[in-house]
Amino acid sequence: MATSRRKEKRVIARAVVHITATFNNTIVTFADAQGNVIAWATTGSSGFKGARKGTPYAAQMTAETAARRAQEMGVQEIDVRVRGVGSGRDSSIRALNGCGFRIVSLRDVTPMPHNGCRAPKRRRV
């Protein structure tokens, strides 16, 4: 007779939040100190489709959805890392702040070239 073990609920007090804000989408990921994902949400999984995925309101709702899932794991303190130039940057940070987390640090980790590869040719419309 096979015994089924129940997966115990992890309790993580401090997490790292990665916010990837592009022009078309916003992805919010909660991870522990080792980088294992605790909770995540995207604007598409929050119910937005098409051009509405790139809006600040969609980013706010996405951050709240991911925050609710992370709070079930016991997360109270967060380190926020923002990547990208989309319109969901500020609204998702405000949403996380409004959810009751204590924001320990806020970093912009957008990749910037130090004159590395040649940029693609300019788009003419």
PDB file of N, CA and C in Angstrom:
ATOM      1  N   MET A   1       0.842  -1.182   0.000  1.00  0.00           N
ATOM      2  CA  MET A   1       0.000   0.000   0.000  1.00  0.00           C
ATOM      3  C   MET A   1       0.885   1.242   0.000  1.00  0.00           C
ATOM      4  N   ALA A   2       0.657   2.103  -0.959  1.00  0.00           N
ATOM      5  CA  ALA A   2       1.490   3.301  -1.091  1.00  0.00           C
ATOM      6  C   ALA A   2       0.996   4.386  -0.145  1.00  0.00           C
ATOM      7  N   THR A   3       1.937   4.968   0.557  1.00  0.00           N
ATOM      8  CA  THR A   3       1.582   6.068   1.451  1.00  0.00           C
ATOM      9  C   THR A   3       1.882   7.389   0.749  1.00  0.00           C
ATOM     10  N   SER A   4       0.937   8.257   0.771  1.00  0.00           N
ATOM     11  CA  SER A   4       1.140   9.550   0.123  1.00  0.00           C
ATOM     12  C   SER A   4       1.562  10.576   1.163  1.00  0.00           C
ATOM     13  N   ARG A   5       2.698  11.190   0.901  1.00  0.00           N
ATOM     14  CA  ARG A   5       3.169  12.241   1.801  1.00  0.00           C
ATOM     15  C   ARG A   5       2.600  13.564   1.348  1.00  0.00           C
ATOM     16  N   ARG A   6       2.173  14.332   2.310  1.00  0.00           N
ATOM     17  CA  ARG A   6       1.628  15.642   1.994  1.00  0.00           C
ATOM     18  C   ARG A   6       2.769  16.641   1.914  1.00  0.00           C
ATOM     19  N   LYS A   7       2.751  17.476   0.894  1.00  0.00           N
ATOM     20  CA  LYS A   7       3.801  18.478   0.748  1.00  0.00           C
ATOM     21  C   LYS A   7       3.621  19.543   1.827  1.00  0.00           C
ATOM     22  N   GLU A   8       4.653  19.706   2.671  1.00  0.00           N
ATOM     23  CA  GLU A   8       4.538  20.683   3.742  1.00  0.00           C
ATOM     24  C   GLU A   8       4.670  22.096   3.178  1.00  0.00           C
ATOM     25  N   LYS A   9       4.005  23.018   3.823  1.00  0.00           N
ATOM     26  CA  LYS A   9       3.987  24.399   3.371  1.00  0.00           C
ATOM     27  C   LYS A   9       5.261  25.094   3.824  1.00  0.00           C
ATOM     28  N   ARG A  10       5.985  25.669   2.855  1.00  0.00           N
ATOM     29  CA  ARG A  10       7.197  26.394   3.216  1.00  0.00           C
ATOM     30  C   ARG A  10       6.819  27.752   3.792  1.00  0.00           C
ATOM     31  N   VAL A  11       7.575  28.197   4.785  1.00  0.00           N
ATOM     32  CA  VAL A  11       7.360  29.510   5.373  1.00  0.00           C
ATOM     33  C   VAL A  11       8.627  30.326   5.139  1.00  0.00           C
ATOM     34  N   ILE A  12       8.513  31.348   4.332  1.00  0.00           N
ATOM     35  CA  ILE A  12       9.641  32.197   3.980  1.00  0.00           C
ATOM     36  C   ILE A  12       9.326  33.606   4.454  1.00  0.00           C
ATOM     37  N   ALA A  13      10.195  34.176   5.292  1.00  0.00           N
ATOM     38  CA  ALA A  13       9.933  35.508   5.844  1.00  0.00           C
ATOM     39  C   ALA A  13      10.366  36.617   4.896  1.00  0.00           C
ATOM     40  N   ARG A  14      11.455  36.397   4.150  1.00  0.00           N
ATOM     41  CA  ARG A  14      11.991  37.439   3.267  1.00  0.00           C
ATOM     42  C   ARG A  14      12.142  36.884   1.862  1.00  0.00           C
ATOM     43  N   ALA A  15      11.716  37.668   0.890  1.00  0.00           N
ATOM     44  CA  ALA A  15      11.759  37.215  -0.501  1.00  0.00           C
ATOM     45  C   ALA A  15      12.353  38.304  -1.383  1.00  0.00           C
ATOM     46  N   VAL A  16      12.753  37.907  -2.582  1.00  0.00           N
ATOM     47  CA  VAL A  16      13.232  38.829  -3.605  1.00  0.00           C
ATOM     48  C   VAL A  16      12.160  38.893  -4.688  1.00  0.00           C
ATOM     49  N   VAL A  17      11.728  40.101  -5.024  1.00  0.00           N
ATOM     50  CA  VAL A  17      10.688  40.276  -6.036  1.00  0.00           C
ATOM     51  C   VAL A  17      11.344  40.800  -7.306  1.00  0.00           C
ATOM     52  N   HIS A  18      11.188  40.059  -8.393  1.00  0.00           N
ATOM     53  CA  HIS A  18      11.703  40.481  -9.687  1.00  0.00           C
ATOM     54  C   HIS A  18      10.529  40.996 -10.515  1.00  0.00           C
ATOM     55  N   ILE A  19      10.584  42.261 -10.912  1.00  0.00           N
ATOM     56  CA  ILE A  19       9.551  42.859 -11.754  1.00  0.00           C
ATOM     57  C   ILE A  19      10.160  43.108 -13.124  1.00  0.00           C
ATOM     58  N   THR A  20       9.636  42.434 -14.138  1.00  0.00           N
ATOM     59  CA  THR A  20      10.095  42.644 -15.503  1.00  0.00           C
ATOM     60  C   THR A  20       8.996  43.409 -16.238  1.00  0.00           C
ATOM     61  N   ALA A  21       9.274  44.668 -16.569  1.00  0.00           N
ATOM     62  CA  ALA A  21       8.277  45.534 -17.194  1.00  0.00           C
ATOM     63  C   ALA A  21       8.713  45.864 -18.614  1.00  0.00           C
ATOM     64  N   THR A  22       8.065  45.229 -19.584  1.00  0.00           N
ATOM     65  CA  THR A  22       8.318  45.548 -20.986  1.00  0.00           C
ATOM     66  C   THR A  22       7.189  46.441 -21.484  1.00  0.00           C
ATOM     67  N   PHE A  23       7.268  46.841 -22.735  1.00  0.00           N
ATOM     68  CA  PHE A  23       6.221  47.699 -23.287  1.00  0.00           C
ATOM     69  C   PHE A  23       4.904  46.945 -23.438  1.00  0.00           C
ATOM     70  N   ASN A  24       4.965  45.618 -23.600  1.00  0.00           N
ATOM     71  CA  ASN A  24       3.765  44.833 -23.866  1.00  0.00           C
ATOM     72  C   ASN A  24       3.293  43.985 -22.697  1.00  0.00           C
ATOM     73  N   ASN A  25       4.091  43.824 -21.645  1.00  0.00           N
ATOM     74  CA  ASN A  25       3.746  42.876 -20.592  1.00  0.00           C
ATOM     75  C   ASN A  25       4.467  43.248 -19.301  1.00  0.00           C
ATOM     76  N   THR A  26       3.992  42.728 -18.192  1.00  0.00           N
ATOM     77  CA  THR A  26       4.655  42.884 -16.900  1.00  0.00           C
ATOM     78  C   THR A  26       4.630  41.537 -16.187  1.00  0.00           C
ATOM     79  N   ILE A  27       5.792  41.090 -15.699  1.00  0.00           N
ATOM     80  CA  ILE A  27       5.919  39.815 -15.021  1.00  0.00           C
ATOM     81  C   ILE A  27       6.439  40.087 -13.617  1.00  0.00           C
ATOM     82  N   VAL A  28       5.747  39.571 -12.599  1.00  0.00           N
ATOM     83  CA  VAL A  28       6.145  39.743 -11.203  1.00  0.00           C
ATOM     84  C   VAL A  28       6.447  38.362 -10.632  1.00  0.00           C
ATOM     85  N   THR A  29       7.678  38.178 -10.115  1.00  0.00           N
ATOM     86  CA  THR A  29       8.105  36.883  -9.594  1.00  0.00           C
ATOM     87  C   THR A  29       8.647  37.046  -8.184  1.00  0.00           C
ATOM     88  N   PHE A  30       8.137  36.253  -7.246  1.00  0.00           N
ATOM     89  CA  PHE A  30       8.653  36.201  -5.888  1.00  0.00           C
ATOM     90  C   PHE A  30       9.569  34.993  -5.779  1.00  0.00           C
ATOM     91  N   ALA A  31      10.791  35.194  -5.277  1.00  0.00           N
ATOM     92  CA  ALA A  31      11.749  34.103  -5.116  1.00  0.00           C
ATOM     93  C   ALA A  31      12.369  34.182  -3.728  1.00  0.00           C
ATOM     94  N   ASP A  32      12.849  33.028  -3.228  1.00  0.00           N
ATOM     95  CA  ASP A  32      13.537  33.049  -1.943  1.00  0.00           C
ATOM     96  C   ASP A  32      14.993  33.447  -2.149  1.00  0.00           C
ATOM     97  N   ALA A  33      15.800  33.395  -1.099  1.00  0.00           N
ATOM     98  CA  ALA A  33      17.184  33.863  -1.173  1.00  0.00           C
ATOM     99  C   ALA A  33      18.031  33.019  -2.122  1.00  0.00           C
ATOM    100  N   GLN A  34      17.670  31.742  -2.295  1.00  0.00           N
ATOM    101  CA  GLN A  34      18.423  30.867  -3.196  1.00  0.00           C
ATOM    102  C   GLN A  34      17.989  31.009  -4.645  1.00  0.00           C
ATOM    103  N   GLY A  35      16.895  31.715  -4.892  1.00  0.00           N
ATOM    104  CA  GLY A  35      16.411  31.906  -6.254  1.00  0.00           C
ATOM    105  C   GLY A  35      15.268  30.988  -6.638  1.00  0.00           C
ATOM    106  N   ASN A  36      14.780  30.180  -5.707  1.00  0.00           N
ATOM    107  CA  ASN A  36      13.644  29.295  -5.992  1.00  0.00           C
ATOM    108  C   ASN A  36      12.358  30.117  -6.003  1.00  0.00           C
ATOM    109  N   VAL A  37      11.544  29.919  -7.035  1.00  0.00           N
ATOM    110  CA  VAL A  37      10.334  30.713  -7.207  1.00  0.00           C
ATOM    111  C   VAL A  37       9.283  30.302  -6.185  1.00  0.00           C
ATOM    112  N   ILE A  38       8.719  31.314  -5.509  1.00  0.00           N
ATOM    113  CA  ILE A  38       7.654  31.098  -4.527  1.00  0.00           C
ATOM    114  C   ILE A  38       6.300  31.318  -5.194  1.00  0.00           C
ATOM    115  N   ALA A  39       6.160  32.472  -5.864  1.00  0.00           N
ATOM    116  CA  ALA A  39       4.902  32.830  -6.523  1.00  0.00           C
ATOM    117  C   ALA A  39       5.226  33.727  -7.705  1.00  0.00           C
ATOM    118  N   TRP A  40       4.351  33.700  -8.707  1.00  0.00           N
ATOM    119  CA  TRP A  40       4.553  34.560  -9.869  1.00  0.00           C
ATOM    120  C   TRP A  40       3.208  34.896 -10.474  1.00  0.00           C
ATOM    121  N   ALA A  41       3.190  35.954 -11.279  1.00  0.00           N
ATOM    122  CA  ALA A  41       1.988  36.334 -12.013  1.00  0.00           C
ATOM    123  C   ALA A  41       2.401  37.192 -13.205  1.00  0.00           C
ATOM    124  N   THR A  42       1.639  37.104 -14.266  1.00  0.00           N
ATOM    125  CA  THR A  42       1.834  37.963 -15.428  1.00  0.00           C
ATOM    126  C   THR A  42       0.515  38.670 -15.709  1.00  0.00           C
ATOM    127  N   THR A  43       0.571  39.679 -16.562  1.00  0.00           N
ATOM    128  CA  THR A  43      -0.660  40.392 -16.876  1.00  0.00           C
ATOM    129  C   THR A  43      -1.618  39.502 -17.660  1.00  0.00           C
ATOM    130  N   GLY A  44      -1.094  38.579 -18.447  1.00  0.00           N
ATOM    131  CA  GLY A  44      -1.951  37.654 -19.170  1.00  0.00           C
ATOM    132  C   GLY A  44      -2.663  36.688 -18.239  1.00  0.00           C
ATOM    133  N   SER A  45      -1.956  36.202 -17.199  1.00  0.00           N
ATOM    134  CA  SER A  45      -2.592  35.281 -16.253  1.00  0.00           C
ATOM    135  C   SER A  45      -3.581  36.010 -15.344  1.00  0.00           C
ATOM    136  N   SER A  46      -3.473  37.348 -15.273  1.00  0.00           N
ATOM    137  CA  SER A  46      -4.418  38.130 -14.481  1.00  0.00           C
ATOM    138  C   SER A  46      -5.677  38.482 -15.267  1.00  0.00           C
ATOM    139  N   GLY A  47      -5.751  38.062 -16.511  1.00  0.00           N
ATOM    140  CA  GLY A  47      -6.968  38.257 -17.294  1.00  0.00           C
ATOM    141  C   GLY A  47      -6.916  39.350 -18.332  1.00  0.00           C
ATOM    142  N   PHE A  48      -5.750  39.951 -18.563  1.00  0.00           N
ATOM    143  CA  PHE A  48      -5.635  41.010 -19.566  1.00  0.00           C
ATOM    144  C   PHE A  48      -5.085  40.425 -20.857  1.00  0.00           C
ATOM    145  N   LYS A  49      -5.630  40.899 -21.974  1.00  0.00           N
ATOM    146  CA  LYS A  49      -5.188  40.413 -23.277  1.00  0.00           C
ATOM    147  C   LYS A  49      -4.872  41.593 -24.189  1.00  0.00           C
ATOM    148  N   GLY A  50      -4.011  41.337 -25.139  1.00  0.00           N
ATOM    149  CA  GLY A  50      -3.728  42.341 -26.175  1.00  0.00           C
ATOM    150  C   GLY A  50      -3.021  43.568 -25.642  1.00  0.00           C
ATOM    151  N   ALA A  51      -3.438  44.730 -26.116  1.00  0.00           N
ATOM    152  CA  ALA A  51      -2.771  45.985 -25.784  1.00  0.00           C
ATOM    153  C   ALA A  51      -2.970  46.374 -24.327  1.00  0.00           C
ATOM    154  N   ARG A  52      -4.008  45.817 -23.662  1.00  0.00           N
ATOM    155  CA  ARG A  52      -4.250  46.186 -22.260  1.00  0.00           C
ATOM    156  C   ARG A  52      -3.214  45.579 -21.318  1.00  0.00           C
ATOM    157  N   LYS A  53      -2.424  44.598 -21.799  1.00  0.00           N
ATOM    158  CA  LYS A  53      -1.412  43.979 -20.942  1.00  0.00           C
ATOM    159  C   LYS A  53      -0.300  44.956 -20.588  1.00  0.00           C
ATOM    160  N   GLY A  54      -0.060  45.954 -21.407  1.00  0.00           N
ATOM    161  CA  GLY A  54       1.017  46.890 -21.165  1.00  0.00           C
ATOM    162  C   GLY A  54       0.637  48.090 -20.323  1.00  0.00           C
ATOM    163  N   THR A  55      -0.565  48.113 -19.766  1.00  0.00           N
ATOM    164  CA  THR A  55      -1.035  49.286 -19.029  1.00  0.00           C
ATOM    165  C   THR A  55      -0.587  49.231 -17.570  1.00  0.00           C
ATOM    166  N   PRO A  56      -0.500  50.389 -16.911  1.00  0.00           N
ATOM    167  CA  PRO A  56      -0.136  50.405 -15.489  1.00  0.00           C
ATOM    168  C   PRO A  56      -1.170  49.703 -14.603  1.00  0.00           C
ATOM    169  N   TYR A  57      -2.451  49.779 -14.963  1.00  0.00           N
ATOM    170  CA  TYR A  57      -3.483  49.116 -14.158  1.00  0.00           C
ATOM    171  C   TYR A  57      -3.301  47.602 -14.188  1.00  0.00           C
ATOM    172  N   ALA A  58      -2.964  47.059 -15.359  1.00  0.00           N
ATOM    173  CA  ALA A  58      -2.731  45.620 -15.465  1.00  0.00           C
ATOM    174  C   ALA A  58      -1.533  45.205 -14.620  1.00  0.00           C
ATOM    175  N   ALA A  59      -0.494  46.028 -14.581  1.00  0.00           N
ATOM    176  CA  ALA A  59       0.682  45.724 -13.767  1.00  0.00           C
ATOM    177  C   ALA A  59       0.338  45.765 -12.287  1.00  0.00           C
ATOM    178  N   GLN A  60      -0.528  46.692 -11.898  1.00  0.00           N
ATOM    179  CA  GLN A  60      -0.945  46.798 -10.503  1.00  0.00           C
ATOM    180  C   GLN A  60      -1.709  45.548 -10.080  1.00  0.00           C
ATOM    181  N   MET A  61      -2.648  45.108 -10.896  1.00  0.00           N
ATOM    182  CA  MET A  61      -3.425  43.911 -10.573  1.00  0.00           C
ATOM    183  C   MET A  61      -2.540  42.664 -10.534  1.00  0.00           C
ATOM    184  N   THR A  62      -1.556  42.603 -11.422  1.00  0.00           N
ATOM    185  CA  THR A  62      -0.638  41.466 -11.460  1.00  0.00           C
ATOM    186  C   THR A  62       0.201  41.408 -10.192  1.00  0.00           C
ATOM    187  N   ALA A  63       0.706  42.562  -9.742  1.00  0.00           N
ATOM    188  CA  ALA A  63       1.510  42.600  -8.517  1.00  0.00           C
ATOM    189  C   ALA A  63       0.675  42.189  -7.308  1.00  0.00           C
ATOM    190  N   GLU A  64      -0.584  42.603  -7.271  1.00  0.00           N
ATOM    191  CA  GLU A  64      -1.448  42.228  -6.152  1.00  0.00           C
ATOM    192  C   GLU A  64      -1.730  40.731  -6.156  1.00  0.00           C
ATOM    193  N   THR A  65      -1.909  40.150  -7.336  1.00  0.00           N
ATOM    194  CA  THR A  65      -2.157  38.707  -7.436  1.00  0.00           C
ATOM    195  C   THR A  65      -0.957  37.915  -6.934  1.00  0.00           C
ATOM    196  N   ALA A  66       0.236  38.295  -7.383  1.00  0.00           N
ATOM    197  CA  ALA A  66       1.452  37.595  -6.947  1.00  0.00           C
ATOM    198  C   ALA A  66       1.689  37.809  -5.454  1.00  0.00           C
ATOM    199  N   ALA A  67       1.370  39.006  -4.951  1.00  0.00           N
ATOM    200  CA  ALA A  67       1.579  39.308  -3.536  1.00  0.00           C
ATOM    201  C   ALA A  67       0.673  38.454  -2.655  1.00  0.00           C
ATOM    202  N   ARG A  68      -0.566  38.258  -3.078  1.00  0.00           N
ATOM    203  CA  ARG A  68      -1.491  37.422  -2.302  1.00  0.00           C
ATOM    204  C   ARG A  68      -0.958  35.998  -2.181  1.00  0.00           C
ATOM    205  N   ARG A  69      -0.430  35.473  -3.287  1.00  0.00           N
ATOM    206  CA  ARG A  69       0.101  34.110  -3.255  1.00  0.00           C
ATOM    207  C   ARG A  69       1.341  34.018  -2.372  1.00  0.00           C
ATOM    208  N   ALA A  70       2.168  35.074  -2.377  1.00  0.00           N
ATOM    209  CA  ALA A  70       3.387  35.062  -1.572  1.00  0.00           C
ATOM    210  C   ALA A  70       3.060  35.219  -0.087  1.00  0.00           C
ATOM    211  N   GLN A  71       2.016  35.989   0.225  1.00  0.00           N
ATOM    212  CA  GLN A  71       1.645  36.173   1.628  1.00  0.00           C
ATOM    213  C   GLN A  71       1.134  34.872   2.240  1.00  0.00           C
ATOM    214  N   GLU A  72       0.583  33.984   1.410  1.00  0.00           N
ATOM    215  CA  GLU A  72       0.166  32.674   1.912  1.00  0.00           C
ATOM    216  C   GLU A  72       1.364  31.846   2.361  1.00  0.00           C
ATOM    217  N   MET A  73       2.548  32.142   1.794  1.00  0.00           N
ATOM    218  CA  MET A  73       3.779  31.446   2.173  1.00  0.00           C
ATOM    219  C   MET A  73       4.453  32.107   3.373  1.00  0.00           C
ATOM    220  N   GLY A  74       3.929  33.221   3.850  1.00  0.00           N
ATOM    221  CA  GLY A  74       4.471  33.876   5.031  1.00  0.00           C
ATOM    222  C   GLY A  74       5.477  34.973   4.756  1.00  0.00           C
ATOM    223  N   VAL A  75       5.516  35.489   3.537  1.00  0.00           N
ATOM    224  CA  VAL A  75       6.479  36.533   3.189  1.00  0.00           C
ATOM    225  C   VAL A  75       6.038  37.863   3.804  1.00  0.00           C
ATOM    226  N   GLN A  76       6.984  38.547   4.481  1.00  0.00           N
ATOM    227  CA  GLN A  76       6.693  39.854   5.064  1.00  0.00           C
ATOM    228  C   GLN A  76       7.644  40.934   4.562  1.00  0.00           C
ATOM    229  N   GLU A  77       8.920  40.586   4.337  1.00  0.00           N
ATOM    230  CA  GLU A  77       9.912  41.545   3.864  1.00  0.00           C
ATOM    231  C   GLU A  77      10.306  41.185   2.443  1.00  0.00           C
ATOM    232  N   ILE A  78      10.505  42.213   1.604  1.00  0.00           N
ATOM    233  CA  ILE A  78      10.861  41.961   0.215  1.00  0.00           C
ATOM    234  C   ILE A  78      11.991  42.882  -0.224  1.00  0.00           C
ATOM    235  N   ASP A  79      12.833  42.356  -1.092  1.00  0.00           N
ATOM    236  CA  ASP A  79      13.817  43.132  -1.839  1.00  0.00           C
ATOM    237  C   ASP A  79      13.290  43.205  -3.265  1.00  0.00           C
ATOM    238  N   VAL A  80      13.126  44.391  -3.803  1.00  0.00           N
ATOM    239  CA  VAL A  80      12.521  44.562  -5.123  1.00  0.00           C
ATOM    240  C   VAL A  80      13.619  44.838  -6.143  1.00  0.00           C
ATOM    241  N   ARG A  81      13.571  44.129  -7.263  1.00  0.00           N
ATOM    242  CA  ARG A  81      14.491  44.355  -8.385  1.00  0.00           C
ATOM    243  C   ARG A  81      13.661  44.577  -9.635  1.00  0.00           C
ATOM    244  N   VAL A  82      13.813  45.747 -10.220  1.00  0.00           N
ATOM    245  CA  VAL A  82      13.007  46.146 -11.370  1.00  0.00           C
ATOM    246  C   VAL A  82      13.860  46.087 -12.618  1.00  0.00           C
ATOM    247  N   ARG A  83      13.323  45.487 -13.675  1.00  0.00           N
ATOM    248  CA  ARG A  83      14.028  45.396 -14.949  1.00  0.00           C
ATOM    249  C   ARG A  83      13.085  45.835 -16.053  1.00  0.00           C
ATOM    250  N   GLY A  84      13.583  46.673 -16.944  1.00  0.00           N
ATOM    251  CA  GLY A  84      12.805  47.080 -18.103  1.00  0.00           C
ATOM    252  C   GLY A  84      12.338  48.513 -18.022  1.00  0.00           C
ATOM    253  N   VAL A  85      11.708  48.948 -19.119  1.00  0.00           N
ATOM    254  CA  VAL A  85      11.317  50.355 -19.255  1.00  0.00           C
ATOM    255  C   VAL A  85       9.822  50.519 -19.459  1.00  0.00           C
ATOM    256  N   GLY A  86       9.039  49.498 -19.176  1.00  0.00           N
ATOM    257  CA  GLY A  86       7.605  49.553 -19.431  1.00  0.00           C
ATOM    258  C   GLY A  86       6.865  50.446 -18.458  1.00  0.00           C
ATOM    259  N   SER A  87       5.597  50.674 -18.763  1.00  0.00           N
ATOM    260  CA  SER A  87       4.773  51.570 -17.942  1.00  0.00           C
ATOM    261  C   SER A  87       4.321  50.914 -16.645  1.00  0.00           C
ATOM    262  N   GLY A  88       4.603  49.629 -16.435  1.00  0.00           N
ATOM    263  CA  GLY A  88       4.169  48.947 -15.232  1.00  0.00           C
ATOM    264  C   GLY A  88       5.158  48.991 -14.086  1.00  0.00           C
ATOM    265  N   ARG A  89       6.272  49.688 -14.262  1.00  0.00           N
ATOM    266  CA  ARG A  89       7.301  49.734 -13.217  1.00  0.00           C
ATOM    267  C   ARG A  89       6.768  50.321 -11.913  1.00  0.00           C
ATOM    268  N   ASP A  90       6.332  51.579 -11.974  1.00  0.00           N
ATOM    269  CA  ASP A  90       5.950  52.305 -10.767  1.00  0.00           C
ATOM    270  C   ASP A  90       4.682  51.751 -10.136  1.00  0.00           C
ATOM    271  N   SER A  91       3.704  51.425 -10.962  1.00  0.00           N
ATOM    272  CA  SER A  91       2.421  50.979 -10.415  1.00  0.00           C
ATOM    273  C   SER A  91       2.554  49.630  -9.718  1.00  0.00           C
ATOM    274  N   SER A  92       3.423  48.746 -10.214  1.00  0.00           N
ATOM    275  CA  SER A  92       3.583  47.459  -9.548  1.00  0.00           C
ATOM    276  C   SER A  92       4.313  47.614  -8.208  1.00  0.00           C
ATOM    277  N   ILE A  93       5.261  48.563  -8.122  1.00  0.00           N
ATOM    278  CA  ILE A  93       5.939  48.810  -6.845  1.00  0.00           C
ATOM    279  C   ILE A  93       4.960  49.397  -5.838  1.00  0.00           C
ATOM    280  N   ARG A  94       4.123  50.327  -6.293  1.00  0.00           N
ATOM    281  CA  ARG A  94       3.112  50.910  -5.402  1.00  0.00           C
ATOM    282  C   ARG A  94       2.134  49.851  -4.908  1.00  0.00           C
ATOM    283  N   ALA A  95       1.770  48.926  -5.786  1.00  0.00           N
ATOM    284  CA  ALA A  95       0.842  47.860  -5.397  1.00  0.00           C
ATOM    285  C   ALA A  95       1.466  46.960  -4.341  1.00  0.00           C
ATOM    286  N   LEU A  96       2.749  46.641  -4.491  1.00  0.00           N
ATOM    287  CA  LEU A  96       3.431  45.809  -3.491  1.00  0.00           C
ATOM    288  C   LEU A  96       3.508  46.530  -2.152  1.00  0.00           C
ATOM    289  N   ASN A  97       3.745  47.832  -2.202  1.00  0.00           N
ATOM    290  CA  ASN A  97       3.810  48.620  -0.976  1.00  0.00           C
ATOM    291  C   ASN A  97       2.443  48.653  -0.294  1.00  0.00           C
ATOM    292  N   GLY A  98       1.382  48.726  -1.075  1.00  0.00           N
ATOM    293  CA  GLY A  98       0.037  48.768  -0.521  1.00  0.00           C
ATOM    294  C   GLY A  98      -0.448  47.440   0.027  1.00  0.00           C
ATOM    295  N   CYS A  99       0.223  46.339  -0.341  1.00  0.00           N
ATOM    296  CA  CYS A  99      -0.186  45.017   0.134  1.00  0.00           C
ATOM    297  C   CYS A  99       0.326  44.706   1.529  1.00  0.00           C
ATOM    298  N   GLY A 100       1.097  45.610   2.114  1.00  0.00           N
ATOM    299  CA  GLY A 100       1.539  45.408   3.485  1.00  0.00           C
ATOM    300  C   GLY A 100       2.923  44.824   3.633  1.00  0.00           C
ATOM    301  N   PHE A 101       3.693  44.731   2.563  1.00  0.00           N
ATOM    302  CA  PHE A 101       5.062  44.247   2.668  1.00  0.00           C
ATOM    303  C   PHE A 101       5.972  45.361   3.169  1.00  0.00           C
ATOM    304  N   ARG A 102       7.069  44.951   3.825  1.00  0.00           N
ATOM    305  CA  ARG A 102       8.099  45.914   4.201  1.00  0.00           C
ATOM    306  C   ARG A 102       9.181  45.831   3.134  1.00  0.00           C
ATOM    307  N   ILE A 103       9.319  46.895   2.331  1.00  0.00           N
ATOM    308  CA  ILE A 103      10.289  46.918   1.241  1.00  0.00           C
ATOM    309  C   ILE A 103      11.641  47.289   1.833  1.00  0.00           C
ATOM    310  N   VAL A 104      12.593  46.330   1.809  1.00  0.00           N
ATOM    311  CA  VAL A 104      13.905  46.531   2.384  1.00  0.00           C
ATOM    312  C   VAL A 104      14.799  47.279   1.409  1.00  0.00           C
ATOM    313  N   SER A 105      14.800  46.873   0.149  1.00  0.00           N
ATOM    314  CA  SER A 105      15.635  47.537  -0.851  1.00  0.00           C
ATOM    315  C   SER A 105      14.911  47.557  -2.188  1.00  0.00           C
ATOM    316  N   LEU A 106      15.285  48.534  -3.012  1.00  0.00           N
ATOM    317  CA  LEU A 106      14.692  48.711  -4.339  1.00  0.00           C
ATOM    318  C   LEU A 106      15.832  48.978  -5.302  1.00  0.00           C
ATOM    319  N   ARG A 107      16.016  48.070  -6.268  1.00  0.00           N
ATOM    320  CA  ARG A 107      17.130  48.193  -7.214  1.00  0.00           C
ATOM    321  C   ARG A 107      16.625  48.152  -8.634  1.00  0.00           C
ATOM    322  N   ASP A 108      17.266  48.950  -9.496  1.00  0.00           N
ATOM    323  CA  ASP A 108      16.989  48.912 -10.932  1.00  0.00           C
ATOM    324  C   ASP A 108      18.074  48.066 -11.578  1.00  0.00           C
ATOM    325  N   VAL A 109      17.695  46.920 -12.112  1.00  0.00           N
ATOM    326  CA  VAL A 109      18.665  45.998 -12.710  1.00  0.00           C
ATOM    327  C   VAL A 109      18.462  45.903 -14.217  1.00  0.00           C
ATOM    328  N   THR A 110      18.005  46.994 -14.837  1.00  0.00           N
ATOM    329  CA  THR A 110      17.824  47.014 -16.286  1.00  0.00           C
ATOM    330  C   THR A 110      19.184  46.880 -16.961  1.00  0.00           C
ATOM    331  N   PRO A 111      19.343  45.924 -17.878  1.00  0.00           N
ATOM    332  CA  PRO A 111      20.653  45.761 -18.523  1.00  0.00           C
ATOM    333  C   PRO A 111      20.967  46.955 -19.424  1.00  0.00           C
ATOM    334  N   MET A 112      22.138  47.548 -19.204  1.00  0.00           N
ATOM    335  CA  MET A 112      22.577  48.691 -20.015  1.00  0.00           C
ATOM    336  C   MET A 112      23.904  48.342 -20.672  1.00  0.00           C
ATOM    337  N   PRO A 113      23.991  48.486 -21.991  1.00  0.00           N
ATOM    338  CA  PRO A 113      25.263  48.175 -22.652  1.00  0.00           C
ATOM    339  C   PRO A 113      26.301  49.259 -22.377  1.00  0.00           C
ATOM    340  N   HIS A 114      27.523  48.819 -22.152  1.00  0.00           N
ATOM    341  CA  HIS A 114      28.645  49.759 -22.032  1.00  0.00           C
ATOM    342  C   HIS A 114      29.366  49.769 -23.382  1.00  0.00           C
ATOM    343  N   ASN A 115      28.593  50.095 -24.412  1.00  0.00           N
ATOM    344  CA  ASN A 115      29.046  50.077 -25.808  1.00  0.00           C
ATOM    345  C   ASN A 115      29.609  48.714 -26.196  1.00  0.00           C
ATOM    346  N   GLY A 116      28.745  47.706 -26.086  1.00  0.00           N
ATOM    347  CA  GLY A 116      29.104  46.344 -26.448  1.00  0.00           C
ATOM    348  C   GLY A 116      28.759  46.063 -27.904  1.00  0.00           C
ATOM    349  N   CYS A 117      27.714  45.267 -28.132  1.00  0.00           N
ATOM    350  CA  CYS A 117      27.326  44.891 -29.483  1.00  0.00           C
ATOM    351  C   CYS A 117      26.727  46.089 -30.219  1.00  0.00           C
ATOM    352  N   ARG A 118      26.849  46.069 -31.548  1.00  0.00           N
ATOM    353  CA  ARG A 118      26.276  47.128 -32.353  1.00  0.00           C
ATOM    354  C   ARG A 118      24.753  47.005 -32.338  1.00  0.00           C
ATOM    355  N   ALA A 119      24.078  48.135 -32.141  1.00  0.00           N
ATOM    356  CA  ALA A 119      22.619  48.153 -32.073  1.00  0.00           C
ATOM    357  C   ALA A 119      22.026  47.875 -33.449  1.00  0.00           C
ATOM    358  N   PRO A 120      20.832  47.300 -33.522  1.00  0.00           N
ATOM    359  CA  PRO A 120      20.194  47.097 -34.823  1.00  0.00           C
ATOM    360  C   PRO A 120      19.853  48.426 -35.477  1.00  0.00           C
ATOM    361  N   LYS A 121      19.710  48.395 -36.808  1.00  0.00           N
ATOM    362  CA  LYS A 121      19.468  49.653 -37.521  1.00  0.00           C
ATOM    363  C   LYS A 121      18.129  50.252 -37.091  1.00  0.00           C
ATOM    364  N   ARG A 122      18.036  51.579 -37.150  1.00  0.00           N
ATOM    365  CA  ARG A 122      16.859  52.295 -36.689  1.00  0.00           C
ATOM    366  C   ARG A 122      15.647  51.949 -37.537  1.00  0.00           C
ATOM    367  N   ARG A 123      14.492  51.877 -36.919  1.00  0.00           N
ATOM    368  CA  ARG A 123      13.255  51.540 -37.588  1.00  0.00           C
ATOM    369  C   ARG A 123      12.653  52.802 -38.195  1.00  0.00           C
ATOM    370  N   ARG A 124      12.363  52.763 -39.468  1.00  0.00           N
ATOM    371  CA  ARG A 124      11.773  53.928 -40.146  1.00  0.00           C
ATOM    372  C   ARG A 124      10.314  53.630 -40.427  1.00  0.00           C
ATOM    373  N   VAL A 125       9.438  54.511 -39.967  1.00  0.00           N
ATOM    374  CA  VAL A 125       7.995  54.310 -40.175  1.00  0.00           C
ATOM    375  C   VAL A 125       7.468  55.394 -41.071  1.00  0.00           C
TER     376      VAL A 125
END
